[in-house]
Structures are given as C-alpha cells and as structure tokens.
Amino acid sequence: MAELNRVVTYTLTHLGEALNFSDVAKAAIASERTLSRRFTEEFDMGWSEFVQRARIVKATERLAMSSDQVAQIAHDTGFSSARLFTQAFRQIMGETPTQYRRRLVAA
C-alpha cells in the first residue's frame, strides 16, 4: 500500500501539471502494470479518472473561494483548455463551472 500512498501524494501534488502514469509509477517505485491494477482494485476507478476527479475537486474549491476566471482555474488545475474543463466539470458535477459558481453565490 505504500506505493498507492506515493501515487496519491505525487498526483495531488502535481495536479496543475501535465501528468502521465509513467512518471507517477517511477515516483511510486513500482511497475506501471502492477500499480494500475492495484490502484483500480483499491479505488474502484482508474488513475486517469482519479486525476480528473481530483482536479474537479480542486476547481470547485477555487470556484467557491475566489473570483478567478474559469479559464484561469482550468489552466491552474491542469486542464489543457477551458472547454475541456467545462466538459469534465459538467460530466462530474452535473452543471457548468459558471452555473456552479452562480448557485453558490445565490445560496
């Protein structure tokens, strides 16, 4: 389980960067294949989905706590474009980042 702790720590520390599983496996000192299998067994999702969800969680915090533009939040949380960020956000949260922020302000 130490490998998984290293994977999670490395991933969360580098969310704003372009991440690839090969670098994460090296940081975890484990083979990609074994690590991928163990990660999926432990978290019931693949590493890529974990990254996507972690980025969305970080983005929701920024949307709630700052007035930063959506495009800036998208960039800072590791998305290559605001459009891809909005698509991922909607898929996970059921609304766009702008709708989410408006709902928080209205509440």
N, C-alpha and C. Protein backbone atom coordinates (compact mmCIF):
# COMPACT_ATOMS: atom_id res chain seq x y z
N MET A 1 0.81 -1.21 0.00
CA MET A 1 0.00 0.00 0.00
C MET A 1 0.85 1.27 0.00
N ALA A 2 2.11 1.15 0.35
CA ALA A 2 2.99 2.32 0.33
C ALA A 2 3.06 2.91 -1.08
N GLU A 3 3.03 2.04 -2.10
CA GLU A 3 3.07 2.53 -3.48
C GLU A 3 1.86 3.39 -3.78
N LEU A 4 0.69 2.95 -3.32
CA LEU A 4 -0.53 3.72 -3.57
C LEU A 4 -0.49 5.06 -2.86
N ASN A 5 0.05 5.08 -1.66
CA ASN A 5 0.20 6.36 -0.95
C ASN A 5 1.10 7.31 -1.74
N ARG A 6 2.18 6.77 -2.29
CA ARG A 6 3.08 7.60 -3.09
C ARG A 6 2.39 8.09 -4.37
N VAL A 7 1.58 7.23 -4.97
CA VAL A 7 0.85 7.62 -6.18
C VAL A 7 -0.10 8.77 -5.88
N VAL A 8 -0.88 8.62 -4.83
CA VAL A 8 -1.86 9.65 -4.48
C VAL A 8 -1.16 10.96 -4.12
N THR A 9 -0.13 10.88 -3.31
CA THR A 9 0.61 12.08 -2.91
C THR A 9 1.22 12.78 -4.10
N TYR A 10 1.88 12.01 -4.95
CA TYR A 10 2.51 12.59 -6.14
C TYR A 10 1.45 13.22 -7.04
N THR A 11 0.38 12.52 -7.27
CA THR A 11 -0.68 13.01 -8.15
C THR A 11 -1.28 14.30 -7.62
N LEU A 12 -1.65 14.33 -6.36
CA LEU A 12 -2.28 15.52 -5.79
C LEU A 12 -1.32 16.70 -5.74
N THR A 13 -0.05 16.43 -5.56
CA THR A 13 0.94 17.49 -5.52
C THR A 13 1.18 18.10 -6.89
N HIS A 14 0.97 17.32 -7.94
CA HIS A 14 1.26 17.77 -9.31
C HIS A 14 0.01 17.95 -10.17
N LEU A 15 -1.14 18.16 -9.57
CA LEU A 15 -2.39 18.25 -10.34
C LEU A 15 -2.37 19.33 -11.42
N GLY A 16 -1.72 20.42 -11.16
CA GLY A 16 -1.70 21.51 -12.12
C GLY A 16 -0.78 21.30 -13.31
N GLU A 17 -0.07 20.19 -13.29
CA GLU A 17 0.89 19.88 -14.35
C GLU A 17 0.33 18.82 -15.30
N ALA A 18 1.01 18.65 -16.41
CA ALA A 18 0.66 17.57 -17.33
C ALA A 18 1.18 16.28 -16.70
N LEU A 19 0.29 15.45 -16.24
CA LEU A 19 0.67 14.21 -15.57
C LEU A 19 0.61 13.04 -16.54
N ASN A 20 1.54 12.10 -16.36
CA ASN A 20 1.42 10.84 -17.09
C ASN A 20 1.74 9.71 -16.11
N PHE A 21 1.12 8.59 -16.36
CA PHE A 21 1.20 7.47 -15.43
C PHE A 21 2.61 6.91 -15.31
N SER A 22 3.38 7.02 -16.36
CA SER A 22 4.75 6.54 -16.32
C SER A 22 5.57 7.27 -15.26
N ASP A 23 5.44 8.59 -15.21
CA ASP A 23 6.15 9.38 -14.20
C ASP A 23 5.65 9.05 -12.79
N VAL A 24 4.36 8.84 -12.68
CA VAL A 24 3.78 8.51 -11.37
C VAL A 24 4.30 7.16 -10.90
N ALA A 25 4.36 6.20 -11.79
CA ALA A 25 4.87 4.87 -11.42
C ALA A 25 6.34 4.96 -10.99
N LYS A 26 7.11 5.77 -11.67
CA LYS A 26 8.51 5.95 -11.26
C LYS A 26 8.58 6.57 -9.87
N ALA A 27 7.75 7.57 -9.61
CA ALA A 27 7.73 8.21 -8.29
C ALA A 27 7.29 7.23 -7.21
N ALA A 28 6.42 6.30 -7.58
CA ALA A 28 5.91 5.31 -6.62
C ALA A 28 6.84 4.11 -6.48
N ILE A 29 7.85 4.06 -7.33
CA ILE A 29 8.80 2.95 -7.34
C ILE A 29 8.06 1.62 -7.55
N ALA A 30 7.29 1.57 -8.63
CA ALA A 30 6.51 0.37 -8.95
C ALA A 30 6.34 0.27 -10.46
N SER A 31 6.04 -0.92 -10.93
CA SER A 31 5.79 -1.10 -12.35
C SER A 31 4.40 -0.52 -12.68
N GLU A 32 4.29 -0.01 -13.89
CA GLU A 32 3.02 0.59 -14.31
C GLU A 32 1.88 -0.43 -14.26
N ARG A 33 2.15 -1.60 -14.77
CA ARG A 33 1.09 -2.62 -14.85
C ARG A 33 0.57 -3.00 -13.46
N THR A 34 1.48 -3.31 -12.55
CA THR A 34 1.08 -3.70 -11.19
C THR A 34 0.39 -2.54 -10.49
N LEU A 35 0.96 -1.37 -10.64
CA LEU A 35 0.39 -0.19 -9.99
C LEU A 35 -1.01 0.12 -10.51
N SER A 36 -1.20 0.01 -11.79
CA SER A 36 -2.51 0.25 -12.39
C SER A 36 -3.55 -0.71 -11.84
N ARG A 37 -3.17 -1.97 -11.78
CA ARG A 37 -4.09 -2.99 -11.25
C ARG A 37 -4.43 -2.72 -9.80
N ARG A 38 -3.42 -2.46 -8.99
CA ARG A 38 -3.65 -2.20 -7.56
C ARG A 38 -4.47 -0.94 -7.34
N PHE A 39 -4.20 0.09 -8.13
CA PHE A 39 -4.94 1.34 -7.99
C PHE A 39 -6.42 1.11 -8.27
N THR A 40 -6.70 0.42 -9.35
CA THR A 40 -8.09 0.15 -9.72
C THR A 40 -8.79 -0.71 -8.67
N GLU A 41 -8.09 -1.70 -8.15
CA GLU A 41 -8.67 -2.56 -7.11
C GLU A 41 -8.97 -1.75 -5.84
N GLU A 42 -8.08 -0.89 -5.46
CA GLU A 42 -8.22 -0.14 -4.21
C GLU A 42 -9.24 1.00 -4.32
N PHE A 43 -9.23 1.73 -5.43
CA PHE A 43 -10.07 2.92 -5.56
C PHE A 43 -11.29 2.73 -6.44
N ASP A 44 -11.43 1.57 -7.02
CA ASP A 44 -12.58 1.26 -7.88
C ASP A 44 -12.71 2.25 -9.05
N MET A 45 -11.58 2.75 -9.49
CA MET A 45 -11.51 3.61 -10.67
C MET A 45 -10.07 3.62 -11.14
N GLY A 46 -9.89 3.92 -12.38
CA GLY A 46 -8.54 4.01 -12.91
C GLY A 46 -7.86 5.30 -12.47
N TRP A 47 -6.56 5.35 -12.64
CA TRP A 47 -5.80 6.52 -12.23
C TRP A 47 -6.24 7.77 -12.98
N SER A 48 -6.51 7.66 -14.27
CA SER A 48 -6.93 8.83 -15.06
C SER A 48 -8.22 9.42 -14.53
N GLU A 49 -9.15 8.57 -14.16
CA GLU A 49 -10.40 9.07 -13.59
C GLU A 49 -10.14 9.74 -12.24
N PHE A 50 -9.24 9.17 -11.45
CA PHE A 50 -8.88 9.77 -10.17
C PHE A 50 -8.31 11.17 -10.39
N VAL A 51 -7.43 11.31 -11.36
CA VAL A 51 -6.84 12.62 -11.67
C VAL A 51 -7.94 13.61 -12.06
N GLN A 52 -8.82 13.18 -12.92
CA GLN A 52 -9.91 14.05 -13.38
C GLN A 52 -10.77 14.51 -12.20
N ARG A 53 -11.15 13.59 -11.35
CA ARG A 53 -11.98 13.93 -10.19
C ARG A 53 -11.24 14.83 -9.20
N ALA A 54 -9.97 14.56 -8.98
CA ALA A 54 -9.18 15.39 -8.06
C ALA A 54 -9.06 16.81 -8.60
N ARG A 55 -8.89 16.94 -9.90
CA ARG A 55 -8.82 18.27 -10.50
C ARG A 55 -10.15 19.02 -10.35
N ILE A 56 -11.23 18.31 -10.51
CA ILE A 56 -12.55 18.94 -10.36
C ILE A 56 -12.77 19.37 -8.91
N VAL A 57 -12.37 18.55 -7.96
CA VAL A 57 -12.50 18.93 -6.55
C VAL A 57 -11.70 20.21 -6.28
N LYS A 58 -10.48 20.26 -6.77
CA LYS A 58 -9.65 21.45 -6.58
C LYS A 58 -10.31 22.66 -7.24
N ALA A 59 -10.87 22.44 -8.42
CA ALA A 59 -11.53 23.53 -9.14
C ALA A 59 -12.77 24.03 -8.40
N THR A 60 -13.54 23.13 -7.81
CA THR A 60 -14.74 23.57 -7.08
C THR A 60 -14.34 24.44 -5.89
N GLU A 61 -13.23 24.11 -5.25
CA GLU A 61 -12.74 24.94 -4.15
C GLU A 61 -12.39 26.34 -4.65
N ARG A 62 -11.70 26.39 -5.78
CA ARG A 62 -11.33 27.70 -6.35
C ARG A 62 -12.54 28.48 -6.80
N LEU A 63 -13.51 27.81 -7.40
CA LEU A 63 -14.73 28.50 -7.82
C LEU A 63 -15.47 29.09 -6.64
N ALA A 64 -15.47 28.37 -5.54
CA ALA A 64 -16.18 28.83 -4.35
C ALA A 64 -15.42 29.92 -3.59
N MET A 65 -14.10 29.86 -3.61
CA MET A 65 -13.31 30.73 -2.74
C MET A 65 -12.64 31.91 -3.45
N SER A 66 -12.77 31.99 -4.76
CA SER A 66 -12.11 33.09 -5.48
C SER A 66 -13.03 33.63 -6.56
N SER A 67 -12.62 34.74 -7.12
CA SER A 67 -13.34 35.30 -8.26
C SER A 67 -12.53 35.11 -9.54
N ASP A 68 -11.56 34.20 -9.49
CA ASP A 68 -10.74 33.92 -10.67
C ASP A 68 -11.60 33.47 -11.84
N GLN A 69 -11.18 33.81 -13.02
CA GLN A 69 -11.93 33.42 -14.20
C GLN A 69 -11.85 31.90 -14.40
N VAL A 70 -12.88 31.36 -15.00
CA VAL A 70 -12.97 29.92 -15.22
C VAL A 70 -11.78 29.43 -16.03
N ALA A 71 -11.38 30.17 -17.04
CA ALA A 71 -10.24 29.76 -17.87
C ALA A 71 -8.96 29.66 -17.03
N GLN A 72 -8.77 30.58 -16.10
CA GLN A 72 -7.58 30.55 -15.25
C GLN A 72 -7.62 29.34 -14.31
N ILE A 73 -8.78 29.07 -13.75
CA ILE A 73 -8.94 27.90 -12.87
C ILE A 73 -8.69 26.63 -13.67
N ALA A 74 -9.20 26.57 -14.88
CA ALA A 74 -8.98 25.40 -15.74
C ALA A 74 -7.49 25.18 -15.94
N HIS A 75 -6.79 26.22 -16.29
CA HIS A 75 -5.34 26.11 -16.52
C HIS A 75 -4.60 25.70 -15.25
N ASP A 76 -4.93 26.33 -14.14
CA ASP A 76 -4.24 26.07 -12.87
C ASP A 76 -4.48 24.66 -12.34
N THR A 77 -5.59 24.06 -12.71
CA THR A 77 -5.90 22.72 -12.22
C THR A 77 -5.51 21.63 -13.22
N GLY A 78 -4.79 22.02 -14.27
CA GLY A 78 -4.21 21.02 -15.16
C GLY A 78 -5.00 20.69 -16.41
N PHE A 79 -6.04 21.44 -16.70
CA PHE A 79 -6.80 21.19 -17.93
C PHE A 79 -6.15 21.96 -19.07
N SER A 80 -6.11 21.36 -20.24
CA SER A 80 -5.45 22.00 -21.37
C SER A 80 -6.28 23.11 -22.00
N SER A 81 -7.58 23.16 -21.69
CA SER A 81 -8.42 24.24 -22.20
C SER A 81 -9.64 24.41 -21.30
N ALA A 82 -10.23 25.59 -21.38
CA ALA A 82 -11.44 25.86 -20.61
C ALA A 82 -12.59 24.98 -21.11
N ARG A 83 -12.60 24.70 -22.39
CA ARG A 83 -13.66 23.85 -22.95
C ARG A 83 -13.60 22.43 -22.37
N LEU A 84 -12.41 21.85 -22.32
CA LEU A 84 -12.27 20.51 -21.76
C LEU A 84 -12.60 20.51 -20.27
N PHE A 85 -12.20 21.57 -19.58
CA PHE A 85 -12.53 21.71 -18.17
C PHE A 85 -14.05 21.75 -17.97
N THR A 86 -14.73 22.55 -18.77
CA THR A 86 -16.18 22.67 -18.65
C THR A 86 -16.86 21.34 -18.93
N GLN A 87 -16.40 20.62 -19.93
CA GLN A 87 -16.97 19.31 -20.24
C GLN A 87 -16.79 18.34 -19.07
N ALA A 88 -15.58 18.28 -18.54
CA ALA A 88 -15.31 17.37 -17.41
C ALA A 88 -16.10 17.78 -16.18
N PHE A 89 -16.17 19.07 -15.93
CA PHE A 89 -16.90 19.58 -14.78
C PHE A 89 -18.38 19.20 -14.88
N ARG A 90 -18.95 19.42 -16.06
CA ARG A 90 -20.37 19.09 -16.27
C ARG A 90 -20.62 17.59 -16.11
N GLN A 91 -19.71 16.78 -16.62
CA GLN A 91 -19.87 15.33 -16.52
C GLN A 91 -19.88 14.88 -15.07
N ILE A 92 -19.02 15.45 -14.24
CA ILE A 92 -18.91 15.02 -12.85
C ILE A 92 -19.90 15.74 -11.94
N MET A 93 -20.08 17.05 -12.15
CA MET A 93 -20.89 17.85 -11.24
C MET A 93 -22.33 18.07 -11.71
N GLY A 94 -22.59 17.79 -12.98
CA GLY A 94 -23.95 17.95 -13.49
C GLY A 94 -24.32 19.38 -13.87
N GLU A 95 -23.36 20.27 -13.85
CA GLU A 95 -23.57 21.66 -14.25
C GLU A 95 -22.23 22.26 -14.66
N THR A 96 -22.27 23.39 -15.34
CA THR A 96 -21.03 24.03 -15.76
C THR A 96 -20.38 24.73 -14.57
N PRO A 97 -19.10 25.07 -14.70
CA PRO A 97 -18.46 25.82 -13.61
C PRO A 97 -19.16 27.15 -13.32
N THR A 98 -19.60 27.83 -14.36
CA THR A 98 -20.29 29.10 -14.17
C THR A 98 -21.61 28.89 -13.44
N GLN A 99 -22.37 27.88 -13.81
CA GLN A 99 -23.62 27.57 -13.12
C GLN A 99 -23.35 27.23 -11.65
N TYR A 100 -22.31 26.46 -11.42
CA TYR A 100 -21.94 26.08 -10.05
C TYR A 100 -21.64 27.32 -9.21
N ARG A 101 -20.84 28.22 -9.76
CA ARG A 101 -20.47 29.44 -9.04
C ARG A 101 -21.71 30.30 -8.78
N ARG A 102 -22.56 30.45 -9.77
CA ARG A 102 -23.79 31.26 -9.59
C ARG A 102 -24.69 30.67 -8.50
N ARG A 103 -24.78 29.35 -8.50
CA ARG A 103 -25.60 28.69 -7.48
C ARG A 103 -25.04 28.94 -6.09
N LEU A 104 -23.74 28.93 -5.95
CA LEU A 104 -23.12 29.19 -4.65
C LEU A 104 -23.36 30.63 -4.21
N VAL A 105 -23.24 31.56 -5.14
CA VAL A 105 -23.46 32.97 -4.81
C VAL A 105 -24.91 33.21 -4.41
N ALA A 106 -25.82 32.56 -5.10
CA ALA A 106 -27.26 32.74 -4.80
C ALA A 106 -27.64 32.16 -3.44
N ALA A 107 -26.90 31.15 -3.01
CA ALA A 107 -27.22 30.48 -1.73
C ALA A 107 -26.72 31.28 -0.62
